[in-house]
C-alpha atoms as a PDB file:
ATOM      1  CA  MET A   1      50.970  38.005  90.203  1.00  0.00           C
ATOM      2  CA  GLU A   2      50.555  41.527  88.597  1.00  0.00           C
ATOM      3  CA  LYS A   3      53.429  43.624  88.608  1.00  0.00           C
ATOM      4  CA  THR A   4      52.357  47.073  91.223  1.00  0.00           C
ATOM      5  CA  THR A   5      52.827  50.214  89.198  1.00  0.00           C
ATOM      6  CA  LYS A   6      55.483  52.542  90.315  1.00  0.00           C
ATOM      7  CA  ILE A   7      55.088  56.416  90.520  1.00  0.00           C
ATOM      8  CA  LEU A   8      57.528  58.795  91.562  1.00  0.00           C
ATOM      9  CA  VAL A   9      56.119  61.956  92.782  1.00  0.00           C
ATOM     10  CA  VAL A  10      58.223  65.207  91.930  1.00  0.00           C
ATOM     11  CA  ASP A  11      57.099  68.276  93.790  1.00  0.00           C
ATOM     12  CA  ASP A  12      58.865  70.583  96.492  1.00  0.00           C
ATOM     13  CA  ASP A  13      55.924  70.996  98.539  1.00  0.00           C
ATOM     14  CA  SER A  14      56.024  67.855 100.777  1.00  0.00           C
ATOM     15  CA  GLY A  15      52.494  68.237 101.996  1.00  0.00           C
ATOM     16  CA  ILE A  16      51.206  67.642  98.505  1.00  0.00           C
ATOM     17  CA  GLY A  17      54.402  64.952  98.104  1.00  0.00           C
ATOM     18  CA  GLU A  18      52.738  62.800 101.132  1.00  0.00           C
ATOM     19  CA  MET A  19      48.992  63.605 100.405  1.00  0.00           C
ATOM     20  CA  LEU A  20      50.095  62.491  97.162  1.00  0.00           C
ATOM     21  CA  LYS A  21      51.721  59.069  98.028  1.00  0.00           C
ATOM     22  CA  THR A  22      48.723  58.358 100.482  1.00  0.00           C
ATOM     23  CA  LEU A  23      46.262  58.669  98.269  1.00  0.00           C
ATOM     24  CA  LEU A  24      47.964  56.947  95.456  1.00  0.00           C
ATOM     25  CA  GLU A  25      48.674  53.608  97.890  1.00  0.00           C
ATOM     26  CA  PHE A  26      45.276  53.648  98.723  1.00  0.00           C
ATOM     27  CA  TYR A  27      44.664  52.987  94.953  1.00  0.00           C
ATOM     28  CA  GLY A  28      47.323  50.257  94.725  1.00  0.00           C
ATOM     29  CA  TYR A  29      50.117  51.720  93.196  1.00  0.00           C
ATOM     30  CA  GLU A  30      53.618  52.022  94.892  1.00  0.00           C
ATOM     31  CA  VAL A  31      54.740  55.679  95.120  1.00  0.00           C
ATOM     32  CA  TYR A  32      58.033  57.416  95.726  1.00  0.00           C
ATOM     33  CA  VAL A  33      57.970  61.305  96.692  1.00  0.00           C
ATOM     34  CA  THR A  34      61.065  63.634  96.072  1.00  0.00           C
ATOM     35  CA  GLU A  35      61.368  67.188  96.389  1.00  0.00           C
ATOM     36  CA  LYS A  36      64.562  67.951  94.495  1.00  0.00           C
ATOM     37  CA  PRO A  37      64.325  67.735  90.712  1.00  0.00           C
ATOM     38  CA  LEU A  38      67.736  66.908  90.108  1.00  0.00           C
ATOM     39  CA  LYS A  39      67.233  63.305  91.524  1.00  0.00           C
ATOM     40  CA  ALA A  40      64.119  62.542  89.752  1.00  0.00           C
ATOM     41  CA  GLU A  41      66.548  60.836  86.963  1.00  0.00           C
ATOM     42  CA  GLU A  42      68.398  58.858  89.146  1.00  0.00           C
ATOM     43  CA  LEU A  43      65.166  57.796  91.057  1.00  0.00           C
ATOM     44  CA  ILE A  44      63.389  56.351  87.540  1.00  0.00           C
ATOM     45  CA  GLN A  45      66.389  54.258  87.126  1.00  0.00           C
ATOM     46  CA  GLU A  46      67.096  53.329  90.253  1.00  0.00           C
ATOM     47  CA  LYS A  47      63.403  52.167  91.298  1.00  0.00           C
ATOM     48  CA  ASN A  48      62.638  51.255  87.947  1.00  0.00           C
ATOM     49  CA  ILE A  49      59.637  53.933  87.699  1.00  0.00           C
ATOM     50  CA  ASP A  50      56.188  53.431  85.523  1.00  0.00           C
ATOM     51  CA  ILE A  51      55.367  56.703  85.539  1.00  0.00           C
ATOM     52  CA  VAL A  52      56.451  60.068  86.661  1.00  0.00           C
ATOM     53  CA  LEU A  53      54.123  62.770  88.003  1.00  0.00           C
ATOM     54  CA  LEU A  54      55.960  65.937  87.820  1.00  0.00           C
ATOM     55  CA  ASP A  55      55.294  69.641  89.109  1.00  0.00           C
ATOM     56  CA  MET A  56      55.986  72.239  86.580  1.00  0.00           C
ATOM     57  CA  LEU A  57      57.472  75.038  89.498  1.00  0.00           C
ATOM     58  CA  ILE A  58      60.051  73.361  92.187  1.00  0.00           C
ATOM     59  CA  SER A  59      62.789  75.466  93.760  1.00  0.00           C
ATOM     60  CA  GLY A  60      63.313  77.762  91.101  1.00  0.00           C
ATOM     61  CA  VAL A  61      63.874  74.510  89.029  1.00  0.00           C
ATOM     62  CA  ASP A  62      61.514  74.718  85.828  1.00  0.00           C
ATOM     63  CA  GLY A  63      60.074  71.287  85.654  1.00  0.00           C
ATOM     64  CA  THR A  64      59.701  71.374  81.989  1.00  0.00           C
ATOM     65  CA  ASP A  65      63.433  71.597  81.699  1.00  0.00           C
ATOM     66  CA  VAL A  66      63.649  68.468  84.072  1.00  0.00           C
ATOM     67  CA  CYS A  67      60.861  66.223  81.762  1.00  0.00           C
ATOM     68  CA  ALA A  68      63.046  67.652  78.437  1.00  0.00           C
ATOM     69  CA  GLY A  69      66.103  65.926  80.473  1.00  0.00           C
ATOM     70  CA  ILE A  70      64.396  62.583  80.922  1.00  0.00           C
ATOM     71  CA  ARG A  71      63.507  62.762  77.371  1.00  0.00           C
ATOM     72  CA  GLN A  72      66.885  63.135  76.309  1.00  0.00           C
ATOM     73  CA  ASN A  73      68.334  60.012  78.294  1.00  0.00           C
ATOM     74  CA  PRO A  74      68.484  56.942  76.432  1.00  0.00           C
ATOM     75  CA  GLU A  75      67.639  55.042  79.704  1.00  0.00           C
ATOM     76  CA  ILE A  76      64.488  56.572  80.608  1.00  0.00           C
ATOM     77  CA  SER A  77      63.387  58.418  77.612  1.00  0.00           C
ATOM     78  CA  GLU A  78      60.233  56.153  77.179  1.00  0.00           C
ATOM     79  CA  THR A  79      58.954  56.661  81.452  1.00  0.00           C
ATOM     80  CA  PRO A  80      55.747  58.470  80.687  1.00  0.00           C
ATOM     81  CA  VAL A  81      55.249  62.214  82.846  1.00  0.00           C
ATOM     82  CA  LEU A  82      52.387  63.486  83.545  1.00  0.00           C
ATOM     83  CA  MET A  83      53.223  66.928  84.618  1.00  0.00           C
ATOM     84  CA  MET A  84      51.141  69.204  86.706  1.00  0.00           C
ATOM     85  CA  SER A  85      50.911  73.218  88.185  1.00  0.00           C
ATOM     86  CA  ALA A  86      48.419  75.038  89.789  1.00  0.00           C
ATOM     87  CA  LEU A  87      48.757  77.403  86.052  1.00  0.00           C
ATOM     88  CA  HIS A  88      46.087  76.347  84.065  1.00  0.00           C
ATOM     89  CA  ASP A  89      47.666  77.524  80.931  1.00  0.00           C
ATOM     90  CA  ALA A  90      50.611  75.704  81.421  1.00  0.00           C
ATOM     91  CA  GLY A  91      49.686  72.211  79.281  1.00  0.00           C
ATOM     92  CA  PRO A  92      50.810  73.514  76.276  1.00  0.00           C
ATOM     93  CA  LYS A  93      54.465  74.333  77.137  1.00  0.00           C
ATOM     94  CA  CYS A  94      54.189  70.815  79.180  1.00  0.00           C
ATOM     95  CA  LYS A  95      53.737  68.711  76.275  1.00  0.00           C
ATOM     96  CA  LYS A  96      56.346  70.655  74.364  1.00  0.00           C
ATOM     97  CA  ALA A  97      58.710  69.597  76.710  1.00  0.00           C
ATOM     98  CA  GLY A  98      57.668  65.981  76.281  1.00  0.00           C
ATOM     99  CA  ALA A  99      54.916  65.183  79.009  1.00  0.00           C
ATOM    100  CA  ASN A 100      52.489  62.564  78.327  1.00  0.00           C
ATOM    101  CA  ASP A 101      49.831  64.582  79.966  1.00  0.00           C
ATOM    102  CA  PHE A 102      49.358  67.467  81.754  1.00  0.00           C
ATOM    103  CA  ILE A 103      46.624  68.231  85.098  1.00  0.00           C
ATOM    104  CA  ALA A 104      45.908  71.008  86.468  1.00  0.00           C
ATOM    105  CA  LYS A 105      46.030  71.691  90.320  1.00  0.00           C
ATOM    106  CA  PRO A 106      43.719  71.067  92.109  1.00  0.00           C
ATOM    107  CA  PHE A 107      42.156  68.155  90.754  1.00  0.00           C
ATOM    108  CA  GLU A 108      40.097  65.355  91.707  1.00  0.00           C
ATOM    109  CA  VAL A 109      42.179  62.080  92.653  1.00  0.00           C
ATOM    110  CA  GLU A 110      39.844  60.214  90.475  1.00  0.00           C
ATOM    111  CA  ASP A 111      40.968  62.100  87.474  1.00  0.00           C
ATOM    112  CA  LEU A 112      44.427  62.060  88.622  1.00  0.00           C
ATOM    113  CA  THR A 113      44.008  58.062  88.643  1.00  0.00           C
ATOM    114  CA  GLU A 114      42.053  58.065  85.285  1.00  0.00           C
ATOM    115  CA  ARG A 115      44.868  59.445  83.493  1.00  0.00           C
ATOM    116  CA  ILE A 116      47.465  57.565  85.000  1.00  0.00           C
ATOM    117  CA  GLU A 117      45.759  54.459  83.852  1.00  0.00           C
ATOM    118  CA  LYS A 118      45.094  55.852  80.598  1.00  0.00           C
ATOM    119  CA  ILE A 119      48.686  57.141  80.102  1.00  0.00           C
ATOM    120  CA  LEU A 120      50.012  53.307  81.311  1.00  0.00           C
ATOM    121  CA  ALA A 121      47.564  51.521  78.491  1.00  0.00           C
ATOM    122  CA  ASP A 122      48.741  54.183  75.996  1.00  0.00           C
ATOM    123  CA  LYS A 123      52.264  53.091  76.600  1.00  0.00           C
ATOM    124  CA  GLU A 124      51.949  49.232  76.091  1.00  0.00           C
END
């Protein structure tokens, strides 16, 4: 039996989080959503997350700091992170923080799933 990919969406906009959950579940992923960036590391370990979709600006917390925290935690440092932001020029900052890739909002769901699959394939 093929393992279902587990995705954690970290976004303070519950509407976006739930929309991504619905869309990604339609594509066959198992999706968890949190609006609390400081819970991300705990959830990655607890749910055995395969990839994190992380917003760059979350309720006064810089998503790049969250990404850097993931990279510094030895138990989850290898977990892929795809950062997203409405700031189209944020890619270099996100990658410098350790993100595997960056996608600008708004995006097409097909583009998102292609990036997810590419990151996961590169990890193997």
